[in-house]
């Protein structure tokens, strides 16, 4: 006798908004729930310094908005994440709502944590590619590098892996100097 397969529940924003505010980072990828511990001070320092450079060039000049975690980004019904940094230029500003970002931002940045680099390098990489995020940066504060991935024909290709200066591909005229990010 064959028993019918039990339906697999895929989480959406409806359930996500009821996850506990417990200091952990909760995300939904492909409808599955993931939790990560709060980031380290080194992680947060790199994030803040990178955000400051982006903020000065984007927000202070009126080109768009720069958000930091925890900000919910609903890329698809079953994909809700909290990237470390999010850039939404004015041409996509309509995706910013009072509660979260609903849609694909211009740039997403993840800063690796030693406890779980595969989360950003594999799981989120594949999701960002699948949901057509045009540019994705993976920052490694331990190695002092930034990998810049750009979407071409539905697949990411690495544009640069640098420890010096990065020119934003999807946002002309925006660049970051990485040397000032690494000094802890």
C-alpha atoms as a PDB file:
ATOM      1  CA  UNK A   1       0.000   0.000   0.000  1.00  0.00           C
ATOM      2  CA  UNK A   2       1.394   3.331  -1.045  1.00  0.00           C
ATOM      3  CA  UNK A   3       0.817   6.251   1.264  1.00  0.00           C
ATOM      4  CA  UNK A   4       0.419   9.686  -0.252  1.00  0.00           C
ATOM      5  CA  UNK A   5       3.420  11.960   0.227  1.00  0.00           C
ATOM      6  CA  UNK A   6       2.934  14.635   2.811  1.00  0.00           C
ATOM      7  CA  UNK A   7       2.939  18.116   1.344  1.00  0.00           C
ATOM      8  CA  UNK A   8       6.097  20.062   2.110  1.00  0.00           C
ATOM      9  CA  UNK A   9       5.334  23.439   3.612  1.00  0.00           C
ATOM     10  CA  UNK A  10       7.174  26.340   2.037  1.00  0.00           C
ATOM     11  CA  UNK A  11       7.403  29.440   4.199  1.00  0.00           C
ATOM     12  CA  UNK A  12       6.365  32.855   2.889  1.00  0.00           C
ATOM     13  CA  UNK A  13       6.499  36.355   4.354  1.00  0.00           C
ATOM     14  CA  UNK A  14       3.228  35.630   6.158  1.00  0.00           C
ATOM     15  CA  UNK A  15       4.956  33.101   8.449  1.00  0.00           C
ATOM     16  CA  UNK A  16       8.294  34.904   8.389  1.00  0.00           C
ATOM     17  CA  UNK A  17       6.936  37.975  10.138  1.00  0.00           C
ATOM     18  CA  UNK A  18       6.097  35.813  13.174  1.00  0.00           C
ATOM     19  CA  UNK A  19       9.603  34.410  13.661  1.00  0.00           C
ATOM     20  CA  UNK A  20      10.986  35.456  17.063  1.00  0.00           C
ATOM     21  CA  UNK A  21      13.100  38.564  17.558  1.00  0.00           C
ATOM     22  CA  UNK A  22      15.798  36.547  19.292  1.00  0.00           C
ATOM     23  CA  UNK A  23      19.038  38.114  18.075  1.00  0.00           C
ATOM     24  CA  UNK A  24      19.424  35.488  15.355  1.00  0.00           C
ATOM     25  CA  UNK A  25      19.195  36.292  11.643  1.00  0.00           C
ATOM     26  CA  UNK A  26      16.151  34.510  10.211  1.00  0.00           C
ATOM     27  CA  UNK A  27      15.821  34.048   6.462  1.00  0.00           C
ATOM     28  CA  UNK A  28      13.715  32.032   4.018  1.00  0.00           C
ATOM     29  CA  UNK A  29      15.434  30.582   0.968  1.00  0.00           C
ATOM     30  CA  UNK A  30      13.442  28.397  -1.377  1.00  0.00           C
ATOM     31  CA  UNK A  31      10.697  28.273   1.251  1.00  0.00           C
ATOM     32  CA  UNK A  32      13.017  26.787   3.910  1.00  0.00           C
ATOM     33  CA  UNK A  33      13.857  28.529   7.203  1.00  0.00           C
ATOM     34  CA  UNK A  34      17.496  29.313   8.050  1.00  0.00           C
ATOM     35  CA  UNK A  35      18.969  30.882  11.189  1.00  0.00           C
ATOM     36  CA  UNK A  36      22.415  32.325  11.760  1.00  0.00           C
ATOM     37  CA  UNK A  37      23.935  33.869  14.877  1.00  0.00           C
ATOM     38  CA  UNK A  38      24.478  37.602  15.168  1.00  0.00           C
ATOM     39  CA  UNK A  39      27.567  38.759  13.257  1.00  0.00           C
ATOM     40  CA  UNK A  40      30.983  39.393  14.822  1.00  0.00           C
ATOM     41  CA  UNK A  41      32.388  42.832  15.562  1.00  0.00           C
ATOM     42  CA  UNK A  42      34.865  42.456  12.669  1.00  0.00           C
ATOM     43  CA  UNK A  43      31.969  41.660  10.350  1.00  0.00           C
ATOM     44  CA  UNK A  44      29.980  44.643  11.579  1.00  0.00           C
ATOM     45  CA  UNK A  45      32.950  47.010  11.295  1.00  0.00           C
ATOM     46  CA  UNK A  46      33.538  46.027   7.658  1.00  0.00           C
ATOM     47  CA  UNK A  47      29.798  46.353   6.965  1.00  0.00           C
ATOM     48  CA  UNK A  48      29.552  49.812   8.509  1.00  0.00           C
ATOM     49  CA  UNK A  49      32.624  51.127   6.695  1.00  0.00           C
ATOM     50  CA  UNK A  50      31.451  49.791   3.342  1.00  0.00           C
ATOM     51  CA  UNK A  51      27.952  51.147   3.963  1.00  0.00           C
ATOM     52  CA  UNK A  52      29.369  54.575   4.759  1.00  0.00           C
ATOM     53  CA  UNK A  53      31.190  54.731   1.413  1.00  0.00           C
ATOM     54  CA  UNK A  54      28.087  53.647  -0.491  1.00  0.00           C
ATOM     55  CA  UNK A  55      25.873  56.015   1.523  1.00  0.00           C
ATOM     56  CA  UNK A  56      28.053  59.026   0.746  1.00  0.00           C
ATOM     57  CA  UNK A  57      28.002  58.336  -2.990  1.00  0.00           C
ATOM     58  CA  UNK A  58      24.415  57.166  -3.359  1.00  0.00           C
ATOM     59  CA  UNK A  59      22.155  58.651  -0.684  1.00  0.00           C
ATOM     60  CA  UNK A  60      23.935  61.950  -0.130  1.00  0.00           C
ATOM     61  CA  UNK A  61      23.875  62.624  -3.888  1.00  0.00           C
ATOM     62  CA  UNK A  62      20.195  61.662  -4.237  1.00  0.00           C
ATOM     63  CA  UNK A  63      20.804  58.648  -6.498  1.00  0.00           C
ATOM     64  CA  UNK A  64      19.088  56.041  -4.333  1.00  0.00           C
ATOM     65  CA  UNK A  65      18.976  54.331  -0.944  1.00  0.00           C
ATOM     66  CA  UNK A  66      21.408  52.174   1.032  1.00  0.00           C
ATOM     67  CA  UNK A  67      20.090  49.813   3.714  1.00  0.00           C
ATOM     68  CA  UNK A  68      21.858  47.626   6.246  1.00  0.00           C
ATOM     69  CA  UNK A  69      20.791  44.498   8.089  1.00  0.00           C
ATOM     70  CA  UNK A  70      18.371  43.712   9.443  1.00  0.00           C
ATOM     71  CA  UNK A  71      16.256  44.811   6.482  1.00  0.00           C
ATOM     72  CA  UNK A  72      13.932  42.251   4.941  1.00  0.00           C
ATOM     73  CA  UNK A  73      14.207  41.713   1.194  1.00  0.00           C
ATOM     74  CA  UNK A  74      11.445  39.626  -0.363  1.00  0.00           C
ATOM     75  CA  UNK A  75      12.959  38.570  -3.675  1.00  0.00           C
ATOM     76  CA  UNK A  76      10.218  36.033  -4.395  1.00  0.00           C
ATOM     77  CA  UNK A  77       7.327  34.409  -2.538  1.00  0.00           C
ATOM     78  CA  UNK A  78       9.605  31.828  -0.906  1.00  0.00           C
ATOM     79  CA  UNK A  79      12.823  33.887  -0.752  1.00  0.00           C
ATOM     80  CA  UNK A  80      13.070  36.427   2.091  1.00  0.00           C
ATOM     81  CA  UNK A  81      16.559  37.399   3.215  1.00  0.00           C
ATOM     82  CA  UNK A  82      18.443  40.006   5.227  1.00  0.00           C
ATOM     83  CA  UNK A  83      21.571  40.864   3.238  1.00  0.00           C
ATOM     84  CA  UNK A  84      24.279  42.811   5.046  1.00  0.00           C
ATOM     85  CA  UNK A  85      23.900  45.754   2.639  1.00  0.00           C
ATOM     86  CA  UNK A  86      21.251  46.587   0.053  1.00  0.00           C
ATOM     87  CA  UNK A  87      21.381  49.267  -2.648  1.00  0.00           C
ATOM     88  CA  UNK A  88      18.201  50.417  -4.369  1.00  0.00           C
ATOM     89  CA  UNK A  89      18.675  53.111  -6.985  1.00  0.00           C
ATOM     90  CA  UNK A  90      15.916  55.585  -7.810  1.00  0.00           C
ATOM     91  CA  UNK A  91      14.832  53.626 -10.906  1.00  0.00           C
ATOM     92  CA  UNK A  92      13.767  50.763  -8.596  1.00  0.00           C
ATOM     93  CA  UNK A  93      12.647  52.825  -5.611  1.00  0.00           C
ATOM     94  CA  UNK A  94       9.058  51.545  -5.915  1.00  0.00           C
ATOM     95  CA  UNK A  95      10.197  48.196  -4.442  1.00  0.00           C
ATOM     96  CA  UNK A  96      10.849  49.884  -1.081  1.00  0.00           C
ATOM     97  CA  UNK A  97       7.799  49.637   1.179  1.00  0.00           C
ATOM     98  CA  UNK A  98       7.386  50.732   4.806  1.00  0.00           C
ATOM     99  CA  UNK A  99       7.849  47.149   6.051  1.00  0.00           C
ATOM    100  CA  UNK A 100      10.399  45.650   3.626  1.00  0.00           C
ATOM    101  CA  UNK A 101      11.851  45.636   0.146  1.00  0.00           C
ATOM    102  CA  UNK A 102       9.687  43.642  -2.265  1.00  0.00           C
ATOM    103  CA  UNK A 103      11.585  42.943  -5.461  1.00  0.00           C
ATOM    104  CA  UNK A 104      15.137  42.875  -6.732  1.00  0.00           C
ATOM    105  CA  UNK A 105      17.543  45.614  -5.598  1.00  0.00           C
ATOM    106  CA  UNK A 106      20.403  46.869  -7.793  1.00  0.00           C
ATOM    107  CA  UNK A 107      23.126  45.489  -5.510  1.00  0.00           C
ATOM    108  CA  UNK A 108      23.262  43.050  -2.603  1.00  0.00           C
ATOM    109  CA  UNK A 109      26.304  42.657  -0.349  1.00  0.00           C
ATOM    110  CA  UNK A 110      27.045  39.753   1.976  1.00  0.00           C
ATOM    111  CA  UNK A 111      29.934  39.821   4.424  1.00  0.00           C
ATOM    112  CA  UNK A 112      31.230  36.348   5.198  1.00  0.00           C
ATOM    113  CA  UNK A 113      31.123  34.990   8.717  1.00  0.00           C
ATOM    114  CA  UNK A 114      33.682  32.341   9.680  1.00  0.00           C
ATOM    115  CA  UNK A 115      30.929  30.147  11.121  1.00  0.00           C
ATOM    116  CA  UNK A 116      29.080  29.635   7.827  1.00  0.00           C
ATOM    117  CA  UNK A 117      30.666  30.957   4.597  1.00  0.00           C
ATOM    118  CA  UNK A 118      28.808  28.385   2.465  1.00  0.00           C
ATOM    119  CA  UNK A 119      25.524  30.118   3.326  1.00  0.00           C
ATOM    120  CA  UNK A 120      26.612  33.194   1.327  1.00  0.00           C
ATOM    121  CA  UNK A 121      28.906  31.494  -1.204  1.00  0.00           C
ATOM    122  CA  UNK A 122      26.523  28.706  -2.241  1.00  0.00           C
ATOM    123  CA  UNK A 123      22.963  28.971  -0.936  1.00  0.00           C
ATOM    124  CA  UNK A 124      22.487  32.727  -1.285  1.00  0.00           C
ATOM    125  CA  UNK A 125      24.670  32.899  -4.408  1.00  0.00           C
ATOM    126  CA  UNK A 126      22.366  30.446  -6.190  1.00  0.00           C
ATOM    127  CA  UNK A 127      19.232  32.214  -4.936  1.00  0.00           C
ATOM    128  CA  UNK A 128      20.471  35.682  -5.966  1.00  0.00           C
ATOM    129  CA  UNK A 129      21.346  34.311  -9.387  1.00  0.00           C
ATOM    130  CA  UNK A 130      17.941  32.585  -9.700  1.00  0.00           C
ATOM    131  CA  UNK A 131      16.060  35.756  -8.707  1.00  0.00           C
ATOM    132  CA  UNK A 132      18.149  37.892 -11.119  1.00  0.00           C
ATOM    133  CA  UNK A 133      19.955  40.200  -8.697  1.00  0.00           C
ATOM    134  CA  UNK A 134      22.131  42.186 -11.158  1.00  0.00           C
ATOM    135  CA  UNK A 135      25.178  42.520  -8.902  1.00  0.00           C
ATOM    136  CA  UNK A 136      26.286  40.593  -5.826  1.00  0.00           C
ATOM    137  CA  UNK A 137      29.342  41.305  -3.672  1.00  0.00           C
ATOM    138  CA  UNK A 138      30.866  38.773  -1.303  1.00  0.00           C
ATOM    139  CA  UNK A 139      33.137  40.473   1.218  1.00  0.00           C
ATOM    140  CA  UNK A 140      35.675  38.439   3.184  1.00  0.00           C
ATOM    141  CA  UNK A 141      37.070  40.521   6.075  1.00  0.00           C
ATOM    142  CA  UNK A 142      39.517  37.776   7.067  1.00  0.00           C
ATOM    143  CA  UNK A 143      41.056  37.514   3.586  1.00  0.00           C
ATOM    144  CA  UNK A 144      40.492  41.255   2.957  1.00  0.00           C
ATOM    145  CA  UNK A 145      38.847  40.666  -0.417  1.00  0.00           C
ATOM    146  CA  UNK A 146      35.676  41.586  -2.230  1.00  0.00           C
ATOM    147  CA  UNK A 147      34.309  39.348  -4.992  1.00  0.00           C
ATOM    148  CA  UNK A 148      32.139  41.209  -7.462  1.00  0.00           C
ATOM    149  CA  UNK A 149      29.645  39.014  -9.305  1.00  0.00           C
ATOM    150  CA  UNK A 150      27.545  40.358 -12.188  1.00  0.00           C
ATOM    151  CA  UNK A 151      24.573  38.710 -13.854  1.00  0.00           C
ATOM    152  CA  UNK A 152      24.938  37.990 -17.569  1.00  0.00           C
ATOM    153  CA  UNK A 153      22.420  35.867 -19.463  1.00  0.00           C
ATOM    154  CA  UNK A 154      20.984  34.474 -16.221  1.00  0.00           C
ATOM    155  CA  UNK A 155      24.321  33.416 -14.719  1.00  0.00           C
ATOM    156  CA  UNK A 156      26.840  35.110 -12.487  1.00  0.00           C
ATOM    157  CA  UNK A 157      30.371  35.701 -13.613  1.00  0.00           C
ATOM    158  CA  UNK A 158      33.047  37.105 -11.384  1.00  0.00           C
ATOM    159  CA  UNK A 159      34.052  40.557 -12.561  1.00  0.00           C
ATOM    160  CA  UNK A 160      36.776  41.107 -10.021  1.00  0.00           C
ATOM    161  CA  UNK A 161      38.261  39.814  -6.808  1.00  0.00           C
ATOM    162  CA  UNK A 162      40.160  42.656  -5.292  1.00  0.00           C
ATOM    163  CA  UNK A 163      41.729  43.980  -2.168  1.00  0.00           C
ATOM    164  CA  UNK A 164      42.036  47.577  -3.422  1.00  0.00           C
ATOM    165  CA  UNK A 165      39.237  49.412  -5.255  1.00  0.00           C
ATOM    166  CA  UNK A 166      35.968  48.215  -6.765  1.00  0.00           C
ATOM    167  CA  UNK A 167      33.923  50.077  -9.383  1.00  0.00           C
ATOM    168  CA  UNK A 168      30.255  49.195  -9.133  1.00  0.00           C
ATOM    169  CA  UNK A 169      29.220  47.555 -12.402  1.00  0.00           C
ATOM    170  CA  UNK A 170      25.450  48.004 -12.138  1.00  0.00           C
ATOM    171  CA  UNK A 171      25.681  51.580 -10.826  1.00  0.00           C
ATOM    172  CA  UNK A 172      27.980  53.717 -13.008  1.00  0.00           C
ATOM    173  CA  UNK A 173      30.202  56.189 -11.187  1.00  0.00           C
ATOM    174  CA  UNK A 174      30.088  54.390  -7.838  1.00  0.00           C
ATOM    175  CA  UNK A 175      33.248  52.846  -6.410  1.00  0.00           C
ATOM    176  CA  UNK A 176      34.594  51.789  -3.034  1.00  0.00           C
ATOM    177  CA  UNK A 177      38.097  51.842  -1.661  1.00  0.00           C
ATOM    178  CA  UNK A 178      38.602  48.679   0.317  1.00  0.00           C
ATOM    179  CA  UNK A 179      41.797  49.551   2.204  1.00  0.00           C
ATOM    180  CA  UNK A 180      39.874  51.688   4.678  1.00  0.00           C
ATOM    181  CA  UNK A 181      37.455  48.838   5.385  1.00  0.00           C
ATOM    182  CA  UNK A 182      40.073  46.357   6.612  1.00  0.00           C
ATOM    183  CA  UNK A 183      41.819  48.398   9.321  1.00  0.00           C
ATOM    184  CA  UNK A 184      40.372  47.005  12.558  1.00  0.00           C
END
